C-alpha atoms as a PDB file:
ATOM      1  CA  MET A   1     -13.211 -14.425 -12.525  1.00  0.00           C
ATOM      2  CA  VAL A   2     -14.839 -12.008 -10.106  1.00  0.00           C
ATOM      3  CA  ALA A   3     -15.763 -12.945  -6.544  1.00  0.00           C
ATOM      4  CA  MET A   4     -18.779 -11.273  -4.996  1.00  0.00           C
ATOM      5  CA  THR A   5     -20.262 -11.468  -1.542  1.00  0.00           C
ATOM      6  CA  MET A   6     -23.988 -12.068  -1.362  1.00  0.00           C
ATOM      7  CA  PHE A   7     -26.135 -10.763   1.428  1.00  0.00           C
ATOM      8  CA  SER A   8     -29.617 -11.948   2.299  1.00  0.00           C
ATOM      9  CA  SER A   9     -32.270 -10.551  -0.018  1.00  0.00           C
ATOM     10  CA  THR A  10     -35.307 -12.407   1.323  1.00  0.00           C
ATOM     11  CA  ALA A  11     -36.619  -9.101   2.675  1.00  0.00           C
ATOM     12  CA  ALA A  12     -37.012  -7.861  -0.898  1.00  0.00           C
ATOM     13  CA  TYR A  13     -39.547 -10.644  -1.614  1.00  0.00           C
ATOM     14  CA  PRO A  14     -41.355 -11.229   1.717  1.00  0.00           C
ATOM     15  CA  ASP A  15     -44.454 -12.845   0.173  1.00  0.00           C
ATOM     16  CA  ASN A  16     -42.635 -15.094  -2.297  1.00  0.00           C
ATOM     17  CA  LYS A  17     -41.807 -18.388  -0.554  1.00  0.00           C
ATOM     18  CA  GLU A  18     -40.140 -19.882  -3.642  1.00  0.00           C
ATOM     19  CA  VAL A  19     -37.639 -17.026  -3.988  1.00  0.00           C
ATOM     20  CA  SER A  20     -37.042 -17.108  -0.253  1.00  0.00           C
ATOM     21  CA  ASP A  21     -36.244 -20.863  -0.398  1.00  0.00           C
ATOM     22  CA  ILE A  22     -33.808 -20.366  -3.286  1.00  0.00           C
ATOM     23  CA  VAL A  23     -32.012 -17.517  -1.548  1.00  0.00           C
ATOM     24  CA  GLU A  24     -31.773 -19.477   1.695  1.00  0.00           C
ATOM     25  CA  LYS A  25     -30.397 -22.499  -0.191  1.00  0.00           C
ATOM     26  CA  ILE A  26     -27.745 -20.402  -1.947  1.00  0.00           C
ATOM     27  CA  GLU A  27     -26.762 -18.709   1.320  1.00  0.00           C
ATOM     28  CA  ARG A  28     -26.540 -22.049   3.152  1.00  0.00           C
ATOM     29  CA  GLU A  29     -24.528 -23.856   0.456  1.00  0.00           C
ATOM     30  CA  SER A  30     -22.188 -20.987  -0.399  1.00  0.00           C
ATOM     31  CA  ASN A  31     -21.623 -19.521   3.060  1.00  0.00           C
ATOM     32  CA  GLY A  32     -22.646 -16.174   1.571  1.00  0.00           C
ATOM     33  CA  ASN A  33     -19.847 -16.185  -1.050  1.00  0.00           C
ATOM     34  CA  ILE A  34     -20.688 -16.640  -4.715  1.00  0.00           C
ATOM     35  CA  LYS A  35     -18.265 -16.754  -7.633  1.00  0.00           C
ATOM     36  CA  ILE A  36     -19.491 -15.381 -10.919  1.00  0.00           C
ATOM     37  CA  ASP A  37     -17.606 -15.920 -14.185  1.00  0.00           C
ATOM     38  CA  ILE A  38     -17.884 -12.809 -16.335  1.00  0.00           C
ATOM     39  CA  PRO A  39     -16.364 -12.823 -19.825  1.00  0.00           C
ATOM     40  CA  PRO A  40     -13.572 -10.207 -20.116  1.00  0.00           C
ATOM     41  CA  SER A  41     -15.424  -8.236 -22.809  1.00  0.00           C
ATOM     42  CA  ILE A  42     -18.513  -7.852 -20.579  1.00  0.00           C
ATOM     43  CA  LEU A  43     -16.389  -7.070 -17.529  1.00  0.00           C
ATOM     44  CA  GLU A  44     -14.651  -4.293 -19.469  1.00  0.00           C
ATOM     45  CA  LEU A  45     -18.050  -2.776 -20.367  1.00  0.00           C
ATOM     46  CA  ILE A  46     -19.191  -2.967 -16.757  1.00  0.00           C
ATOM     47  CA  LEU A  47     -16.038  -1.350 -15.435  1.00  0.00           C
ATOM     48  CA  ARG A  48     -16.223   1.422 -18.052  1.00  0.00           C
ATOM     49  CA  ASN A  49     -19.918   1.827 -17.178  1.00  0.00           C
ATOM     50  CA  GLU A  50     -20.971   1.603 -20.821  1.00  0.00           C
ATOM     51  CA  ALA A  51     -23.699  -0.416 -22.420  1.00  0.00           C
ATOM     52  CA  PRO A  52     -23.163  -2.068 -25.785  1.00  0.00           C
ATOM     53  CA  ARG A  53     -24.488   0.113 -28.591  1.00  0.00           C
ATOM     54  CA  PRO A  54     -27.381  -1.297 -30.558  1.00  0.00           C
ATOM     55  CA  ASN A  55     -26.900  -1.788 -34.297  1.00  0.00           C
ATOM     56  CA  ARG A  56     -27.794   1.273 -36.333  1.00  0.00           C
ATOM     57  CA  GLN A  57     -30.783   0.932 -38.582  1.00  0.00           C
ATOM     58  CA  GLU A  58     -29.692  -0.115 -42.050  1.00  0.00           C
ATOM     59  CA  ILE A  59     -30.401   2.368 -44.823  1.00  0.00           C
ATOM     60  CA  ARG A  60     -31.231   0.738 -48.140  1.00  0.00           C
ATOM     61  CA  PRO A  61     -31.589   2.395 -51.534  1.00  0.00           C
ATOM     62  CA  GLY A  62     -34.948   4.128 -51.846  1.00  0.00           C
ATOM     63  CA  ILE A  63     -37.223   5.583 -49.187  1.00  0.00           C
ATOM     64  CA  ASN A  64     -36.448   4.549 -45.610  1.00  0.00           C
ATOM     65  CA  LYS A  65     -38.612   5.283 -42.574  1.00  0.00           C
ATOM     66  CA  LEU A  66     -36.502   5.380 -39.434  1.00  0.00           C
ATOM     67  CA  SER A  67     -36.706   6.529 -35.872  1.00  0.00           C
ATOM     68  CA  GLY A  68     -35.256  10.028 -35.669  1.00  0.00           C
ATOM     69  CA  PHE A  69     -36.006  13.630 -34.805  1.00  0.00           C
ATOM     70  CA  ARG A  70     -37.827  16.650 -36.202  1.00  0.00           C
ATOM     71  CA  ILE A  71     -38.238  20.202 -34.989  1.00  0.00           C
ATOM     72  CA  GLN A  72     -41.792  21.085 -34.044  1.00  0.00           C
ATOM     73  CA  VAL A  73     -42.337  24.735 -34.967  1.00  0.00           C
ATOM     74  CA  PHE A  74     -46.120  24.916 -34.587  1.00  0.00           C
ATOM     75  CA  SER A  75     -48.620  23.174 -32.343  1.00  0.00           C
ATOM     76  CA  ASP A  76     -52.008  24.652 -31.529  1.00  0.00           C
ATOM     77  CA  GLY A  77     -55.605  23.633 -30.969  1.00  0.00           C
ATOM     78  CA  ARG A  78     -57.252  27.024 -30.421  1.00  0.00           C
ATOM     79  CA  ASN A  79     -59.152  29.074 -33.018  1.00  0.00           C
ATOM     80  CA  GLN A  80     -60.044  26.055 -35.120  1.00  0.00           C
ATOM     81  CA  HIS A  81     -61.059  28.009 -38.220  1.00  0.00           C
ATOM     82  CA  THR A  82     -57.530  29.458 -38.720  1.00  0.00           C
ATOM     83  CA  LEU A  83     -55.323  26.588 -37.529  1.00  0.00           C
ATOM     84  CA  GLU A  84     -54.511  24.958 -40.846  1.00  0.00           C
ATOM     85  CA  ALA A  85     -53.600  28.280 -42.478  1.00  0.00           C
ATOM     86  CA  ARG A  86     -51.429  29.297 -39.508  1.00  0.00           C
ATOM     87  CA  ALA A  87     -49.642  25.926 -39.454  1.00  0.00           C
ATOM     88  CA  LYS A  88     -48.896  26.108 -43.191  1.00  0.00           C
ATOM     89  CA  ALA A  89     -47.844  29.769 -42.955  1.00  0.00           C
ATOM     90  CA  ARG A  90     -45.271  28.893 -40.284  1.00  0.00           C
ATOM     91  CA  GLY A  91     -43.790  26.213 -42.520  1.00  0.00           C
ATOM     92  CA  SER A  92     -43.750  28.561 -45.524  1.00  0.00           C
ATOM     93  CA  ALA A  93     -41.971  31.283 -43.542  1.00  0.00           C
ATOM     94  CA  ILE A  94     -39.262  28.839 -42.514  1.00  0.00           C
ATOM     95  CA  LEU A  95     -38.924  27.478 -46.057  1.00  0.00           C
ATOM     96  CA  ALA A  96     -38.535  31.002 -47.448  1.00  0.00           C
ATOM     97  CA  ARG A  97     -35.606  31.630 -45.105  1.00  0.00           C
ATOM     98  CA  PHE A  98     -34.146  28.092 -45.210  1.00  0.00           C
ATOM     99  CA  PRO A  99     -34.605  26.511 -48.664  1.00  0.00           C
ATOM    100  CA  LYS A 100     -32.533  23.520 -47.506  1.00  0.00           C
ATOM    101  CA  TYR A 101     -35.710  22.249 -45.793  1.00  0.00           C
ATOM    102  CA  ARG A 102     -37.629  21.964 -49.094  1.00  0.00           C
ATOM    103  CA  GLY A 103     -39.482  18.636 -48.981  1.00  0.00           C
ATOM    104  CA  GLN A 104     -38.921  18.380 -45.215  1.00  0.00           C
ATOM    105  CA  ILE A 105     -41.838  20.428 -43.913  1.00  0.00           C
ATOM    106  CA  TYR A 106     -44.643  18.325 -42.493  1.00  0.00           C
ATOM    107  CA  THR A 107     -47.959  19.986 -41.629  1.00  0.00           C
ATOM    108  CA  TYR A 108     -50.698  17.734 -40.327  1.00  0.00           C
ATOM    109  CA  SER A 109     -53.683  17.563 -38.027  1.00  0.00           C
ATOM    110  CA  ASN A 110     -54.329  15.292 -35.081  1.00  0.00           C
ATOM    111  CA  SER A 111     -57.688  16.648 -34.014  1.00  0.00           C
ATOM    112  CA  PRO A 112     -58.113  19.152 -32.499  1.00  0.00           C
ATOM    113  CA  ASN A 113     -54.475  20.246 -32.955  1.00  0.00           C
ATOM    114  CA  TRP A 114     -52.430  21.210 -35.989  1.00  0.00           C
ATOM    115  CA  TYR A 115     -48.671  20.648 -36.135  1.00  0.00           C
ATOM    116  CA  THR A 116     -45.808  21.771 -38.346  1.00  0.00           C
ATOM    117  CA  ARG A 117     -42.535  19.898 -38.077  1.00  0.00           C
ATOM    118  CA  ILE A 118     -39.284  20.483 -39.926  1.00  0.00           C
ATOM    119  CA  GLY A 119     -36.494  18.176 -41.031  1.00  0.00           C
ATOM    120  CA  ASN A 120     -35.405  14.554 -40.947  1.00  0.00           C
ATOM    121  CA  PHE A 121     -32.592  14.365 -38.414  1.00  0.00           C
ATOM    122  CA  ARG A 122     -30.939  11.051 -37.569  1.00  0.00           C
ATOM    123  CA  THR A 123     -29.538  12.246 -34.221  1.00  0.00           C
ATOM    124  CA  ASN A 124     -30.741  14.471 -31.414  1.00  0.00           C
ATOM    125  CA  ALA A 125     -27.521  16.506 -31.722  1.00  0.00           C
ATOM    126  CA  GLU A 126     -28.242  17.336 -35.391  1.00  0.00           C
ATOM    127  CA  ALA A 127     -31.797  18.347 -34.513  1.00  0.00           C
ATOM    128  CA  ASN A 128     -30.692  20.535 -31.594  1.00  0.00           C
ATOM    129  CA  SER A 129     -28.129  22.292 -33.791  1.00  0.00           C
ATOM    130  CA  ALA A 130     -30.824  23.075 -36.381  1.00  0.00           C
ATOM    131  CA  LEU A 131     -33.216  24.103 -33.597  1.00  0.00           C
ATOM    132  CA  GLU A 132     -30.767  26.743 -32.363  1.00  0.00           C
ATOM    133  CA  GLU A 133     -30.375  28.039 -35.920  1.00  0.00           C
ATOM    134  CA  LEU A 134     -34.158  28.303 -36.349  1.00  0.00           C
ATOM    135  CA  LYS A 135     -34.624  29.982 -32.970  1.00  0.00           C
ATOM    136  CA  ARG A 136     -32.062  32.660 -33.901  1.00  0.00           C
ATOM    137  CA  ALA A 137     -33.779  33.235 -37.249  1.00  0.00           C
ATOM    138  CA  PHE A 138     -37.326  33.308 -35.782  1.00  0.00           C
ATOM    139  CA  PRO A 139     -37.151  34.660 -32.227  1.00  0.00           C
ATOM    140  CA  ASN A 140     -40.931  35.237 -32.158  1.00  0.00           C
ATOM    141  CA  TYR A 141     -41.522  31.479 -32.563  1.00  0.00           C
ATOM    142  CA  ALA A 142     -38.580  30.353 -30.400  1.00  0.00           C
ATOM    143  CA  SER A 143     -40.630  29.578 -27.282  1.00  0.00           C
ATOM    144  CA  GLU A 144     -42.853  27.205 -29.282  1.00  0.00           C
ATOM    145  CA  MET A 145     -40.029  25.325 -31.015  1.00  0.00           C
ATOM    146  CA  ARG A 146     -38.724  22.031 -29.724  1.00  0.00           C
ATOM    147  CA  VAL A 147     -37.127  18.782 -30.871  1.00  0.00           C
ATOM    148  CA  VAL A 148     -39.481  15.796 -31.041  1.00  0.00           C
ATOM    149  CA  LYS A 149     -38.711  12.130 -31.544  1.00  0.00           C
ATOM    150  CA  CYS A 150     -40.667  10.628 -34.412  1.00  0.00           C
ATOM    151  CA  GLN A 151     -40.493   8.589 -37.602  1.00  0.00           C
ATOM    152  CA  ILE A 152     -38.386  10.306 -40.251  1.00  0.00           C
ATOM    153  CA  VAL A 153     -37.863   9.733 -43.954  1.00  0.00           C
ATOM    154  CA  VAL A 154     -34.371   9.123 -45.338  1.00  0.00           C
ATOM    155  CA  ILE A 155     -33.944   8.762 -49.091  1.00  0.00           C
ATOM    156  CA  LYS A 156     -30.890   6.938 -50.377  1.00  0.00           C
ATOM    157  CA  GLN A 157     -30.014   6.920 -54.073  1.00  0.00           C
END
């Protein structure tokens, strides 16, 4: 059991009479001292300053669409007549140097822009590691590259 002292908080809700009445009632009946029962498991999380981790998304056999990360290597909306070719060329250049990304190059348009994104990374750390590798291999594109959060595809046999 944890004992806490409560101070007046009516100033936080000056226009809300109902909240003010409840706070005044609690202050009057408790003399400003409130006891709160916190289960030991929750108290341990609070004291360690950690939140419980949400359950990971379950991966089933077949094609799974999950929240994850990709590396955006091209994004442009200027010179409309050459955008698609430039977006695809960027992906092809990366594929030629990194065949491990075969099937993981996504080029698409969201008018007026064209985008090329690489990979299906489950964690931000994995994506950042690959981003550094790509930036070293393609220094001319490095300033345009970044990790983006998006839906990814994970295939499980």
